[in-house]
Amino acid sequence: MKHKHLIVRAEVSNPPIYEQTITDWASNLIRDIGMKIMMGPYVKYCDMEGNKGFTCVTIIETSHVAIHIWDEQSPKLIQLDVYTCGDLDTKIVFDALDKFDPVKIDFKYLDREHELIRVLDTK
């Protein structure tokens, strides 16, 4: 069993603004990376001052996918977490994020099978 973990911080100029758009995006991403949804995606908007935005979580057969979209700042901020006990093609994930017009992307890609080993940390 593998343990791959992609953590992405993306500043974007065109974030999703509707629950259904986020649900569809998460479902399509999970399908495209070859994973199977067990529960979700579940999307909820938080309207707490300083923390406004959407959170979407999905339980997949091999772990989870979570995306958080903060809409109070400019550019908007997306934090994405893809954890899987299978293979992960990071290019598919970054291609999916392109839909939101990223202006800056930072990420860490970890192999967590026995230790926390950085596989990649630049795009």
C-alpha atoms as a PDB file:
ATOM      1  CA  MET A   1       0.000   0.000   0.000  1.00  0.00           C
ATOM      2  CA  LYS A   2       1.218   3.485  -0.856  1.00  0.00           C
ATOM      3  CA  HIS A   3       0.706   6.691   1.089  1.00  0.00           C
ATOM      4  CA  LYS A   4       0.908   9.778  -1.129  1.00  0.00           C
ATOM      5  CA  HIS A   5      -0.075  13.213   0.119  1.00  0.00           C
ATOM      6  CA  LEU A   6      -0.315  16.320  -2.056  1.00  0.00           C
ATOM      7  CA  ILE A   7      -0.776  19.625  -0.217  1.00  0.00           C
ATOM      8  CA  VAL A   8      -1.428  22.674  -2.414  1.00  0.00           C
ATOM      9  CA  ARG A   9      -1.737  26.378  -1.636  1.00  0.00           C
ATOM     10  CA  ALA A  10      -3.006  28.312  -4.654  1.00  0.00           C
ATOM     11  CA  GLU A  11      -3.808  31.974  -5.050  1.00  0.00           C
ATOM     12  CA  VAL A  12      -6.431  32.199  -7.799  1.00  0.00           C
ATOM     13  CA  SER A  13      -8.310  34.894  -9.676  1.00  0.00           C
ATOM     14  CA  ASN A  14     -11.363  32.827 -10.655  1.00  0.00           C
ATOM     15  CA  PRO A  15     -12.447  30.635  -7.714  1.00  0.00           C
ATOM     16  CA  PRO A  16     -15.658  28.629  -7.800  1.00  0.00           C
ATOM     17  CA  ILE A  17     -18.538  30.520  -6.183  1.00  0.00           C
ATOM     18  CA  TYR A  18     -21.327  27.923  -6.204  1.00  0.00           C
ATOM     19  CA  GLU A  19     -21.660  24.723  -4.185  1.00  0.00           C
ATOM     20  CA  GLN A  20     -22.592  22.694  -7.255  1.00  0.00           C
ATOM     21  CA  THR A  21     -19.523  23.910  -9.157  1.00  0.00           C
ATOM     22  CA  ILE A  22     -17.281  22.771  -6.301  1.00  0.00           C
ATOM     23  CA  THR A  23     -19.099  19.436  -5.995  1.00  0.00           C
ATOM     24  CA  ASP A  24     -18.706  18.804  -9.717  1.00  0.00           C
ATOM     25  CA  TRP A  25     -15.043  19.881  -9.680  1.00  0.00           C
ATOM     26  CA  ALA A  26     -14.198  17.564  -6.777  1.00  0.00           C
ATOM     27  CA  SER A  27     -16.086  14.637  -8.330  1.00  0.00           C
ATOM     28  CA  ASN A  28     -14.366  15.130 -11.673  1.00  0.00           C
ATOM     29  CA  LEU A  29     -10.930  15.438 -10.071  1.00  0.00           C
ATOM     30  CA  ILE A  30     -11.421  12.241  -8.102  1.00  0.00           C
ATOM     31  CA  ARG A  31     -12.592  10.406 -11.223  1.00  0.00           C
ATOM     32  CA  ASP A  32      -9.676  11.784 -13.265  1.00  0.00           C
ATOM     33  CA  ILE A  33      -7.052  10.678 -10.727  1.00  0.00           C
ATOM     34  CA  GLY A  34      -8.562   7.185 -10.848  1.00  0.00           C
ATOM     35  CA  MET A  35     -10.056   7.126  -7.362  1.00  0.00           C
ATOM     36  CA  LYS A  36     -13.475   6.006  -6.175  1.00  0.00           C
ATOM     37  CA  ILE A  37     -15.830   8.132  -4.063  1.00  0.00           C
ATOM     38  CA  MET A  38     -17.222   6.445  -0.952  1.00  0.00           C
ATOM     39  CA  MET A  39     -19.005   9.493   0.559  1.00  0.00           C
ATOM     40  CA  GLY A  40     -19.508  13.048  -0.603  1.00  0.00           C
ATOM     41  CA  PRO A  41     -18.467  15.434  -1.885  1.00  0.00           C
ATOM     42  CA  TYR A  42     -19.881  17.529   0.933  1.00  0.00           C
ATOM     43  CA  VAL A  43     -19.711  21.313   0.486  1.00  0.00           C
ATOM     44  CA  LYS A  44     -20.543  23.999   3.016  1.00  0.00           C
ATOM     45  CA  TYR A  45     -20.066  27.777   3.079  1.00  0.00           C
ATOM     46  CA  CYS A  46     -18.664  29.412   6.208  1.00  0.00           C
ATOM     47  CA  ASP A  47     -19.695  33.036   6.731  1.00  0.00           C
ATOM     48  CA  MET A  48     -17.540  33.715   9.804  1.00  0.00           C
ATOM     49  CA  GLU A  49     -15.725  37.053   9.442  1.00  0.00           C
ATOM     50  CA  GLY A  50     -12.094  36.447   8.480  1.00  0.00           C
ATOM     51  CA  ASN A  51     -12.802  32.835   7.456  1.00  0.00           C
ATOM     52  CA  LYS A  52     -15.447  33.244   4.746  1.00  0.00           C
ATOM     53  CA  GLY A  53     -15.483  30.652   2.026  1.00  0.00           C
ATOM     54  CA  PHE A  54     -16.291  27.104   1.009  1.00  0.00           C
ATOM     55  CA  THR A  55     -15.005  23.817   2.342  1.00  0.00           C
ATOM     56  CA  CYS A  56     -15.494  20.594   0.428  1.00  0.00           C
ATOM     57  CA  VAL A  57     -14.527  17.153   1.689  1.00  0.00           C
ATOM     58  CA  THR A  58     -14.818  13.788   0.021  1.00  0.00           C
ATOM     59  CA  ILE A  59     -14.015  10.373   1.423  1.00  0.00           C
ATOM     60  CA  ILE A  60     -12.417   8.263  -1.263  1.00  0.00           C
ATOM     61  CA  GLU A  61     -11.761   4.545  -1.256  1.00  0.00           C
ATOM     62  CA  THR A  62      -8.088   5.217  -0.577  1.00  0.00           C
ATOM     63  CA  SER A  63      -8.429   8.163   1.868  1.00  0.00           C
ATOM     64  CA  HIS A  64      -9.691  11.731   1.265  1.00  0.00           C
ATOM     65  CA  VAL A  65      -9.734  14.914  -0.794  1.00  0.00           C
ATOM     66  CA  ALA A  66     -10.419  18.301   0.819  1.00  0.00           C
ATOM     67  CA  ILE A  67     -10.519  21.766  -0.694  1.00  0.00           C
ATOM     68  CA  HIS A  68     -10.942  25.064   1.120  1.00  0.00           C
ATOM     69  CA  ILE A  69     -11.692  28.286  -0.776  1.00  0.00           C
ATOM     70  CA  TRP A  70     -11.348  31.610   1.041  1.00  0.00           C
ATOM     71  CA  ASP A  71     -13.067  34.447  -0.772  1.00  0.00           C
ATOM     72  CA  GLU A  72     -12.324  37.528   1.356  1.00  0.00           C
ATOM     73  CA  GLN A  73      -8.849  38.273   0.045  1.00  0.00           C
ATOM     74  CA  SER A  74      -7.512  39.150  -3.372  1.00  0.00           C
ATOM     75  CA  PRO A  75      -6.370  37.013  -5.008  1.00  0.00           C
ATOM     76  CA  LYS A  76      -8.625  34.358  -3.528  1.00  0.00           C
ATOM     77  CA  LEU A  77      -6.993  31.468  -1.686  1.00  0.00           C
ATOM     78  CA  ILE A  78      -7.433  27.749  -2.288  1.00  0.00           C
ATOM     79  CA  GLN A  79      -5.932  25.096  -0.032  1.00  0.00           C
ATOM     80  CA  LEU A  80      -6.175  21.566  -1.441  1.00  0.00           C
ATOM     81  CA  ASP A  81      -5.335  18.308   0.277  1.00  0.00           C
ATOM     82  CA  VAL A  82      -5.223  15.020  -1.671  1.00  0.00           C
ATOM     83  CA  TYR A  83      -4.250  11.970   0.364  1.00  0.00           C
ATOM     84  CA  THR A  84      -4.298   8.523  -1.165  1.00  0.00           C
ATOM     85  CA  CYS A  85      -3.061   5.039  -0.475  1.00  0.00           C
ATOM     86  CA  GLY A  86      -2.577   4.598  -4.230  1.00  0.00           C
ATOM     87  CA  ASP A  87      -0.658   6.171  -7.083  1.00  0.00           C
ATOM     88  CA  LEU A  88      -1.254   9.853  -7.749  1.00  0.00           C
ATOM     89  CA  ASP A  89      -0.535  11.732 -10.965  1.00  0.00           C
ATOM     90  CA  THR A  90       0.013  15.278  -9.685  1.00  0.00           C
ATOM     91  CA  LYS A  91      -0.223  16.734 -13.206  1.00  0.00           C
ATOM     92  CA  ILE A  92      -3.930  15.858 -13.274  1.00  0.00           C
ATOM     93  CA  VAL A  93      -4.466  17.766 -10.033  1.00  0.00           C
ATOM     94  CA  PHE A  94      -2.618  20.854 -11.277  1.00  0.00           C
ATOM     95  CA  ASP A  95      -4.493  20.718 -14.598  1.00  0.00           C
ATOM     96  CA  ALA A  96      -7.783  20.693 -12.644  1.00  0.00           C
ATOM     97  CA  LEU A  97      -6.668  23.738 -10.621  1.00  0.00           C
ATOM     98  CA  ASP A  98      -5.965  25.634 -13.862  1.00  0.00           C
ATOM     99  CA  LYS A  99      -9.731  26.135 -14.160  1.00  0.00           C
ATOM    100  CA  PHE A 100      -9.494  28.670 -11.320  1.00  0.00           C
ATOM    101  CA  ASP A 101      -6.772  30.794 -13.012  1.00  0.00           C
ATOM    102  CA  PRO A 102      -3.978  30.417 -10.466  1.00  0.00           C
ATOM    103  CA  VAL A 103      -1.584  33.329 -10.110  1.00  0.00           C
ATOM    104  CA  LYS A 104       0.652  31.489  -7.632  1.00  0.00           C
ATOM    105  CA  ILE A 105       0.902  27.838  -6.588  1.00  0.00           C
ATOM    106  CA  ASP A 106       2.973  26.341  -3.786  1.00  0.00           C
ATOM    107  CA  PHE A 107       2.851  22.672  -2.884  1.00  0.00           C
ATOM    108  CA  LYS A 108       4.438  19.757  -1.119  1.00  0.00           C
ATOM    109  CA  TYR A 109       4.106  16.195  -2.347  1.00  0.00           C
ATOM    110  CA  LEU A 110       4.915  13.685   0.349  1.00  0.00           C
ATOM    111  CA  ASP A 111       5.477   9.952   0.470  1.00  0.00           C
ATOM    112  CA  ARG A 112       4.156   8.970   3.890  1.00  0.00           C
ATOM    113  CA  GLU A 113       4.585   5.209   3.598  1.00  0.00           C
ATOM    114  CA  HIS A 114       7.339   4.858   6.231  1.00  0.00           C
ATOM    115  CA  GLU A 115       8.405   8.457   6.912  1.00  0.00           C
ATOM    116  CA  LEU A 116       7.492  11.909   5.645  1.00  0.00           C
ATOM    117  CA  ILE A 117       9.617  12.070   2.498  1.00  0.00           C
ATOM    118  CA  ARG A 118       9.286  15.001   0.102  1.00  0.00           C
ATOM    119  CA  VAL A 119       8.797  13.753  -3.436  1.00  0.00           C
ATOM    120  CA  LEU A 120       8.285  17.171  -5.074  1.00  0.00           C
ATOM    121  CA  ASP A 121       7.934  20.703  -3.822  1.00  0.00           C
ATOM    122  CA  THR A 122       7.855  22.859  -6.930  1.00  0.00           C
ATOM    123  CA  LYS A 123       5.669  22.778 -10.001  1.00  0.00           C
END
